[in-house]
Amino acid sequence: MSTHAQANYCRNELAYALRRGPYQVNVLLGGYDVKKGEEKGEASLYFLDYLAALQKVKFGAQGYAANFCLSIFDRDYMDGLSQEAAVDIIKKCIHELQTRMLISQPNFIIKVIDKDGVKVLSAGADPADT
């Protein structure tokens, strides 16, 4: 199932559940799809909210972190970013969260999801240790 199909399936299931027995859920669904006959694929990210509204997005955040991180993503994100530039943006978000959140959260894990799967870039108290 492609990422697009998966996102629409989840949206349909959540829309059905909304009318039967609603529950609170927000989802960031990402994936990497390679079309038949092509070598290079495309990554995609979808945001699905608790009212079953689905939107394809270029970046996303949830919860209280979204209040701080979405403005950083909006300012610094550009199409075609290198992995190093993307990790720098994430480090800015982590720094902002450590500065502004009332609760200290010293541990963050940065993971990269691509055509080769999932790999951990850094884990621990200091995101600069990548």
N, C-alpha and C. Protein backbone atom coordinates (compact mmCIF):
# COMPACT_ATOMS: atom_id res chain seq x y z
N MET A 1 0.85 -1.17 0.00
CA MET A 1 0.00 0.00 0.00
C MET A 1 0.90 1.24 0.00
N SER A 2 0.62 2.18 -0.87
CA SER A 2 1.41 3.40 -0.92
C SER A 2 1.11 4.27 0.30
N THR A 3 1.95 5.25 0.53
CA THR A 3 1.75 6.16 1.65
C THR A 3 0.45 6.94 1.46
N HIS A 4 0.18 7.36 0.24
CA HIS A 4 -1.05 8.08 -0.07
C HIS A 4 -2.27 7.22 0.23
N ALA A 5 -2.23 5.97 -0.21
CA ALA A 5 -3.35 5.05 0.04
C ALA A 5 -3.51 4.78 1.54
N GLN A 6 -2.41 4.61 2.24
CA GLN A 6 -2.44 4.38 3.69
C GLN A 6 -3.07 5.57 4.40
N ALA A 7 -2.66 6.78 4.01
CA ALA A 7 -3.20 7.98 4.64
C ALA A 7 -4.71 8.09 4.41
N ASN A 8 -5.14 7.80 3.21
CA ASN A 8 -6.58 7.88 2.91
C ASN A 8 -7.36 6.78 3.60
N TYR A 9 -6.78 5.60 3.74
CA TYR A 9 -7.42 4.52 4.49
C TYR A 9 -7.61 4.94 5.95
N CYS A 10 -6.55 5.50 6.55
CA CYS A 10 -6.64 5.95 7.95
C CYS A 10 -7.67 7.05 8.10
N ARG A 11 -7.73 7.96 7.14
CA ARG A 11 -8.70 9.04 7.17
C ARG A 11 -10.12 8.49 7.13
N ASN A 12 -10.34 7.50 6.26
CA ASN A 12 -11.67 6.90 6.15
C ASN A 12 -12.05 6.20 7.45
N GLU A 13 -11.13 5.45 8.04
CA GLU A 13 -11.41 4.75 9.29
C GLU A 13 -11.69 5.73 10.42
N LEU A 14 -10.93 6.82 10.48
CA LEU A 14 -11.15 7.82 11.53
C LEU A 14 -12.47 8.55 11.31
N ALA A 15 -12.82 8.85 10.07
CA ALA A 15 -14.10 9.50 9.77
C ALA A 15 -15.26 8.59 10.19
N TYR A 16 -15.13 7.30 9.94
CA TYR A 16 -16.17 6.35 10.35
C TYR A 16 -16.27 6.30 11.87
N ALA A 17 -15.14 6.22 12.55
CA ALA A 17 -15.12 6.15 14.02
C ALA A 17 -15.64 7.44 14.64
N LEU A 18 -15.45 8.56 13.97
CA LEU A 18 -15.90 9.85 14.48
C LEU A 18 -17.41 9.86 14.66
N ARG A 19 -18.11 9.16 13.80
CA ARG A 19 -19.56 9.13 13.87
C ARG A 19 -20.10 8.02 14.77
N ARG A 20 -19.28 7.07 15.12
CA ARG A 20 -19.71 5.92 15.94
C ARG A 20 -19.31 6.08 17.41
N GLY A 21 -18.05 6.28 17.64
CA GLY A 21 -17.52 6.40 19.01
C GLY A 21 -16.23 7.18 18.92
N PRO A 22 -16.32 8.51 18.88
CA PRO A 22 -15.14 9.32 18.60
C PRO A 22 -14.03 9.16 19.63
N TYR A 23 -12.82 9.32 19.17
CA TYR A 23 -11.67 9.32 20.05
C TYR A 23 -10.68 10.36 19.55
N GLN A 24 -9.86 10.83 20.45
CA GLN A 24 -8.92 11.90 20.17
C GLN A 24 -7.62 11.32 19.63
N VAL A 25 -7.27 11.63 18.37
CA VAL A 25 -6.02 11.17 17.79
C VAL A 25 -5.57 12.16 16.73
N ASN A 26 -4.30 12.45 16.74
CA ASN A 26 -3.66 13.22 15.68
C ASN A 26 -2.50 12.37 15.18
N VAL A 27 -2.31 12.33 13.87
CA VAL A 27 -1.32 11.43 13.28
C VAL A 27 -0.44 12.18 12.30
N LEU A 28 0.85 11.94 12.38
CA LEU A 28 1.79 12.31 11.32
C LEU A 28 2.19 10.99 10.68
N LEU A 29 1.84 10.80 9.42
CA LEU A 29 2.10 9.56 8.71
C LEU A 29 3.07 9.85 7.57
N GLY A 30 4.23 9.23 7.63
CA GLY A 30 5.23 9.44 6.60
C GLY A 30 5.61 8.14 5.93
N GLY A 31 6.11 8.24 4.72
CA GLY A 31 6.53 7.05 4.01
C GLY A 31 7.38 7.40 2.80
N TYR A 32 7.94 6.38 2.21
CA TYR A 32 8.78 6.53 1.02
C TYR A 32 8.28 5.53 -0.02
N ASP A 33 7.84 6.03 -1.15
CA ASP A 33 7.26 5.18 -2.19
C ASP A 33 8.10 5.24 -3.46
N VAL A 34 8.32 4.06 -4.03
CA VAL A 34 8.99 3.94 -5.33
C VAL A 34 7.98 3.37 -6.31
N LYS A 35 7.75 4.08 -7.39
CA LYS A 35 6.80 3.61 -8.40
C LYS A 35 7.44 2.51 -9.24
N LYS A 36 6.61 1.66 -9.78
CA LYS A 36 7.11 0.57 -10.61
C LYS A 36 7.89 1.12 -11.80
N GLY A 37 9.03 0.49 -12.06
CA GLY A 37 9.85 0.89 -13.20
C GLY A 37 10.77 2.07 -12.94
N GLU A 38 10.70 2.64 -11.76
CA GLU A 38 11.56 3.77 -11.43
C GLU A 38 12.52 3.37 -10.32
N GLU A 39 13.71 3.97 -10.36
CA GLU A 39 14.69 3.70 -9.30
C GLU A 39 14.53 4.64 -8.12
N LYS A 40 14.27 5.89 -8.43
CA LYS A 40 14.18 6.90 -7.38
C LYS A 40 12.73 7.07 -6.95
N GLY A 41 12.51 7.14 -5.64
CA GLY A 41 11.17 7.31 -5.11
C GLY A 41 10.97 8.69 -4.54
N GLU A 42 9.90 8.82 -3.78
CA GLU A 42 9.55 10.10 -3.20
C GLU A 42 9.04 9.90 -1.78
N ALA A 43 9.52 10.73 -0.89
CA ALA A 43 9.03 10.72 0.49
C ALA A 43 7.80 11.60 0.58
N SER A 44 6.89 11.23 1.46
CA SER A 44 5.70 12.05 1.67
C SER A 44 5.31 12.01 3.14
N LEU A 45 4.65 13.07 3.57
CA LEU A 45 4.22 13.20 4.96
C LEU A 45 2.79 13.73 4.96
N TYR A 46 1.94 13.10 5.76
CA TYR A 46 0.54 13.50 5.87
C TYR A 46 0.22 13.79 7.32
N PHE A 47 -0.63 14.80 7.53
CA PHE A 47 -1.14 15.12 8.86
C PHE A 47 -2.62 14.81 8.89
N LEU A 48 -3.04 14.02 9.85
CA LEU A 48 -4.43 13.63 10.03
C LEU A 48 -4.85 14.06 11.42
N ASP A 49 -5.88 14.92 11.52
CA ASP A 49 -6.29 15.39 12.84
C ASP A 49 -7.47 14.59 13.38
N TYR A 50 -7.91 14.94 14.56
CA TYR A 50 -8.94 14.17 15.26
C TYR A 50 -10.31 14.28 14.60
N LEU A 51 -10.49 15.22 13.70
CA LEU A 51 -11.75 15.35 12.97
C LEU A 51 -11.69 14.69 11.59
N ALA A 52 -10.63 13.92 11.36
CA ALA A 52 -10.42 13.18 10.11
C ALA A 52 -10.11 14.09 8.93
N ALA A 53 -9.53 15.24 9.19
CA ALA A 53 -9.07 16.12 8.11
C ALA A 53 -7.66 15.68 7.73
N LEU A 54 -7.44 15.41 6.46
CA LEU A 54 -6.16 14.90 5.98
C LEU A 54 -5.51 15.94 5.09
N GLN A 55 -4.22 16.17 5.29
CA GLN A 55 -3.49 17.14 4.48
C GLN A 55 -2.07 16.65 4.25
N LYS A 56 -1.60 16.72 3.01
CA LYS A 56 -0.21 16.42 2.71
C LYS A 56 0.61 17.64 3.09
N VAL A 57 1.66 17.43 3.89
CA VAL A 57 2.48 18.54 4.39
C VAL A 57 3.95 18.29 4.08
N LYS A 58 4.75 19.33 4.17
CA LYS A 58 6.19 19.20 3.96
C LYS A 58 6.93 19.01 5.27
N PHE A 59 6.30 19.41 6.38
CA PHE A 59 6.88 19.24 7.71
C PHE A 59 5.74 19.22 8.71
N GLY A 60 6.02 18.74 9.92
CA GLY A 60 4.96 18.68 10.90
C GLY A 60 5.49 18.51 12.31
N ALA A 61 4.65 18.87 13.26
CA ALA A 61 4.93 18.69 14.68
C ALA A 61 3.59 18.58 15.38
N GLN A 62 3.59 17.96 16.56
CA GLN A 62 2.35 17.78 17.31
C GLN A 62 2.53 18.23 18.75
N GLY A 63 1.42 18.42 19.41
CA GLY A 63 1.42 18.76 20.82
C GLY A 63 1.96 20.16 21.08
N TYR A 64 2.46 20.35 22.29
CA TYR A 64 3.00 21.66 22.66
C TYR A 64 4.23 22.01 21.83
N ALA A 65 4.96 21.01 21.40
CA ALA A 65 6.15 21.27 20.59
C ALA A 65 5.81 22.01 19.31
N ALA A 66 4.62 21.77 18.77
CA ALA A 66 4.21 22.43 17.54
C ALA A 66 4.18 23.94 17.70
N ASN A 67 3.84 24.43 18.90
CA ASN A 67 3.79 25.88 19.13
C ASN A 67 5.15 26.53 18.91
N PHE A 68 6.22 25.79 19.13
CA PHE A 68 7.55 26.35 19.01
C PHE A 68 8.23 25.95 17.70
N CYS A 69 7.99 24.73 17.26
CA CYS A 69 8.74 24.19 16.12
C CYS A 69 8.18 24.57 14.75
N LEU A 70 6.87 24.71 14.63
CA LEU A 70 6.31 25.00 13.31
C LEU A 70 6.80 26.33 12.74
N SER A 71 7.01 27.31 13.59
CA SER A 71 7.53 28.59 13.08
C SER A 71 8.98 28.45 12.60
N ILE A 72 9.76 27.60 13.26
CA ILE A 72 11.14 27.35 12.82
C ILE A 72 11.12 26.60 11.49
N PHE A 73 10.27 25.58 11.38
CA PHE A 73 10.15 24.85 10.12
C PHE A 73 9.72 25.79 9.00
N ASP A 74 8.74 26.64 9.29
CA ASP A 74 8.21 27.54 8.27
C ASP A 74 9.29 28.51 7.78
N ARG A 75 10.13 28.97 8.68
CA ARG A 75 11.17 29.92 8.32
C ARG A 75 12.34 29.25 7.60
N ASP A 76 12.76 28.07 8.05
CA ASP A 76 14.02 27.49 7.57
C ASP A 76 13.86 26.39 6.53
N TYR A 77 12.68 25.80 6.39
CA TYR A 77 12.52 24.69 5.45
C TYR A 77 12.51 25.19 4.01
N MET A 78 13.22 24.47 3.15
CA MET A 78 13.21 24.71 1.71
C MET A 78 13.19 23.35 1.01
N ASP A 79 12.59 23.28 -0.15
CA ASP A 79 12.62 22.03 -0.91
C ASP A 79 14.05 21.68 -1.25
N GLY A 80 14.36 20.40 -1.22
CA GLY A 80 15.69 19.94 -1.60
C GLY A 80 16.75 20.09 -0.53
N LEU A 81 16.36 20.19 0.74
CA LEU A 81 17.33 20.29 1.83
C LEU A 81 18.21 19.05 1.90
N SER A 82 19.47 19.25 2.24
CA SER A 82 20.34 18.11 2.51
C SER A 82 20.01 17.56 3.90
N GLN A 83 20.46 16.35 4.17
CA GLN A 83 20.21 15.76 5.48
C GLN A 83 20.85 16.59 6.58
N GLU A 84 22.04 17.11 6.32
CA GLU A 84 22.73 17.92 7.33
C GLU A 84 21.94 19.19 7.64
N ALA A 85 21.39 19.84 6.62
CA ALA A 85 20.60 21.05 6.83
C ALA A 85 19.32 20.74 7.59
N ALA A 86 18.70 19.61 7.29
CA ALA A 86 17.48 19.21 7.99
C ALA A 86 17.78 18.93 9.47
N VAL A 87 18.89 18.27 9.75
CA VAL A 87 19.27 17.99 11.13
C VAL A 87 19.56 19.30 11.87
N ASP A 88 20.15 20.28 11.20
CA ASP A 88 20.38 21.58 11.83
C ASP A 88 19.06 22.24 12.23
N ILE A 89 18.04 22.12 11.38
CA ILE A 89 16.73 22.67 11.71
C ILE A 89 16.15 21.96 12.93
N ILE A 90 16.29 20.64 12.99
CA ILE A 90 15.80 19.88 14.14
C ILE A 90 16.54 20.32 15.41
N LYS A 91 17.84 20.55 15.31
CA LYS A 91 18.61 21.01 16.47
C LYS A 91 18.12 22.37 16.94
N LYS A 92 17.73 23.25 16.01
CA LYS A 92 17.16 24.55 16.40
C LYS A 92 15.86 24.34 17.17
N CYS A 93 15.05 23.39 16.72
CA CYS A 93 13.79 23.09 17.41
C CYS A 93 14.06 22.56 18.81
N ILE A 94 15.02 21.66 18.94
CA ILE A 94 15.35 21.10 20.25
C ILE A 94 15.85 22.20 21.18
N HIS A 95 16.68 23.07 20.66
CA HIS A 95 17.18 24.19 21.47
C HIS A 95 16.02 25.08 21.93
N GLU A 96 15.08 25.35 21.03
CA GLU A 96 13.93 26.18 21.37
C GLU A 96 13.07 25.50 22.44
N LEU A 97 12.88 24.19 22.31
CA LEU A 97 12.10 23.46 23.31
C LEU A 97 12.80 23.47 24.67
N GLN A 98 14.11 23.29 24.68
CA GLN A 98 14.85 23.31 25.94
C GLN A 98 14.84 24.69 26.57
N THR A 99 14.72 25.73 25.76
CA THR A 99 14.69 27.10 26.27
C THR A 99 13.31 27.47 26.80
N ARG A 100 12.27 27.11 26.10
CA ARG A 100 10.94 27.63 26.38
C ARG A 100 9.98 26.71 27.13
N MET A 101 10.20 25.42 27.12
CA MET A 101 9.27 24.51 27.79
C MET A 101 9.43 24.61 29.30
N LEU A 102 8.33 24.51 30.00
CA LEU A 102 8.36 24.59 31.46
C LEU A 102 8.97 23.34 32.08
N ILE A 103 8.78 22.21 31.43
CA ILE A 103 9.30 20.95 31.94
C ILE A 103 10.61 20.64 31.21
N SER A 104 11.63 20.31 31.96
CA SER A 104 12.92 19.98 31.36
C SER A 104 12.85 18.62 30.67
N GLN A 105 13.18 18.59 29.40
CA GLN A 105 13.24 17.34 28.64
C GLN A 105 14.64 17.24 28.04
N PRO A 106 15.57 16.64 28.76
CA PRO A 106 16.96 16.65 28.30
C PRO A 106 17.27 15.64 27.21
N ASN A 107 16.44 14.62 27.03
CA ASN A 107 16.78 13.55 26.08
C ASN A 107 15.93 13.63 24.83
N PHE A 108 16.60 13.65 23.69
CA PHE A 108 15.93 13.65 22.39
C PHE A 108 16.61 12.62 21.51
N ILE A 109 15.85 12.04 20.62
CA ILE A 109 16.38 11.09 19.65
C ILE A 109 16.07 11.62 18.26
N ILE A 110 17.09 11.73 17.44
CA ILE A 110 16.91 12.16 16.05
C ILE A 110 17.04 10.92 15.18
N LYS A 111 15.97 10.63 14.43
CA LYS A 111 15.96 9.48 13.54
C LYS A 111 15.77 9.95 12.11
N VAL A 112 16.40 9.25 11.18
CA VAL A 112 16.25 9.52 9.76
C VAL A 112 15.49 8.35 9.15
N ILE A 113 14.43 8.67 8.41
CA ILE A 113 13.66 7.66 7.72
C ILE A 113 13.80 7.93 6.23
N ASP A 114 14.34 6.96 5.51
CA ASP A 114 14.52 7.12 4.07
C ASP A 114 14.29 5.78 3.37
N LYS A 115 14.68 5.69 2.12
CA LYS A 115 14.45 4.47 1.34
C LYS A 115 15.18 3.26 1.92
N ASP A 116 16.21 3.49 2.72
CA ASP A 116 16.97 2.41 3.33
C ASP A 116 16.42 1.98 4.68
N GLY A 117 15.38 2.64 5.17
CA GLY A 117 14.79 2.29 6.45
C GLY A 117 14.97 3.40 7.48
N VAL A 118 15.07 3.00 8.74
CA VAL A 118 15.17 3.94 9.85
C VAL A 118 16.54 3.79 10.50
N LYS A 119 17.20 4.93 10.75
CA LYS A 119 18.46 4.90 11.49
C LYS A 119 18.48 6.04 12.50
N VAL A 120 19.13 5.78 13.63
CA VAL A 120 19.24 6.77 14.70
C VAL A 120 20.50 7.58 14.47
N LEU A 121 20.32 8.91 14.38
CA LEU A 121 21.48 9.80 14.22
C LEU A 121 22.07 10.18 15.57
N SER A 122 21.20 10.50 16.52
CA SER A 122 21.69 10.84 17.85
C SER A 122 20.64 10.50 18.89
N ALA A 123 21.12 10.17 20.06
CA ALA A 123 20.26 9.90 21.20
C ALA A 123 20.99 10.34 22.44
N GLY A 124 20.27 11.00 23.32
CA GLY A 124 20.91 11.44 24.55
C GLY A 124 20.60 12.88 24.86
N ALA A 125 21.36 13.42 25.80
CA ALA A 125 21.07 14.76 26.31
C ALA A 125 21.48 15.86 25.34
N ASP A 126 22.51 15.67 24.58
CA ASP A 126 23.01 16.75 23.73
C ASP A 126 22.81 16.41 22.25
N PRO A 127 21.88 17.09 21.56
CA PRO A 127 21.66 16.78 20.16
C PRO A 127 22.82 17.18 19.27
N ALA A 128 23.78 17.91 19.79
CA ALA A 128 24.94 18.31 19.01
C ALA A 128 25.93 17.16 18.83
N ASP A 129 25.68 16.01 19.46
CA ASP A 129 26.60 14.87 19.38
C ASP A 129 26.40 14.00 18.14
N THR A 130 25.81 14.55 17.09
CA THR A 130 25.57 13.73 15.89
C THR A 130 26.85 13.56 15.10
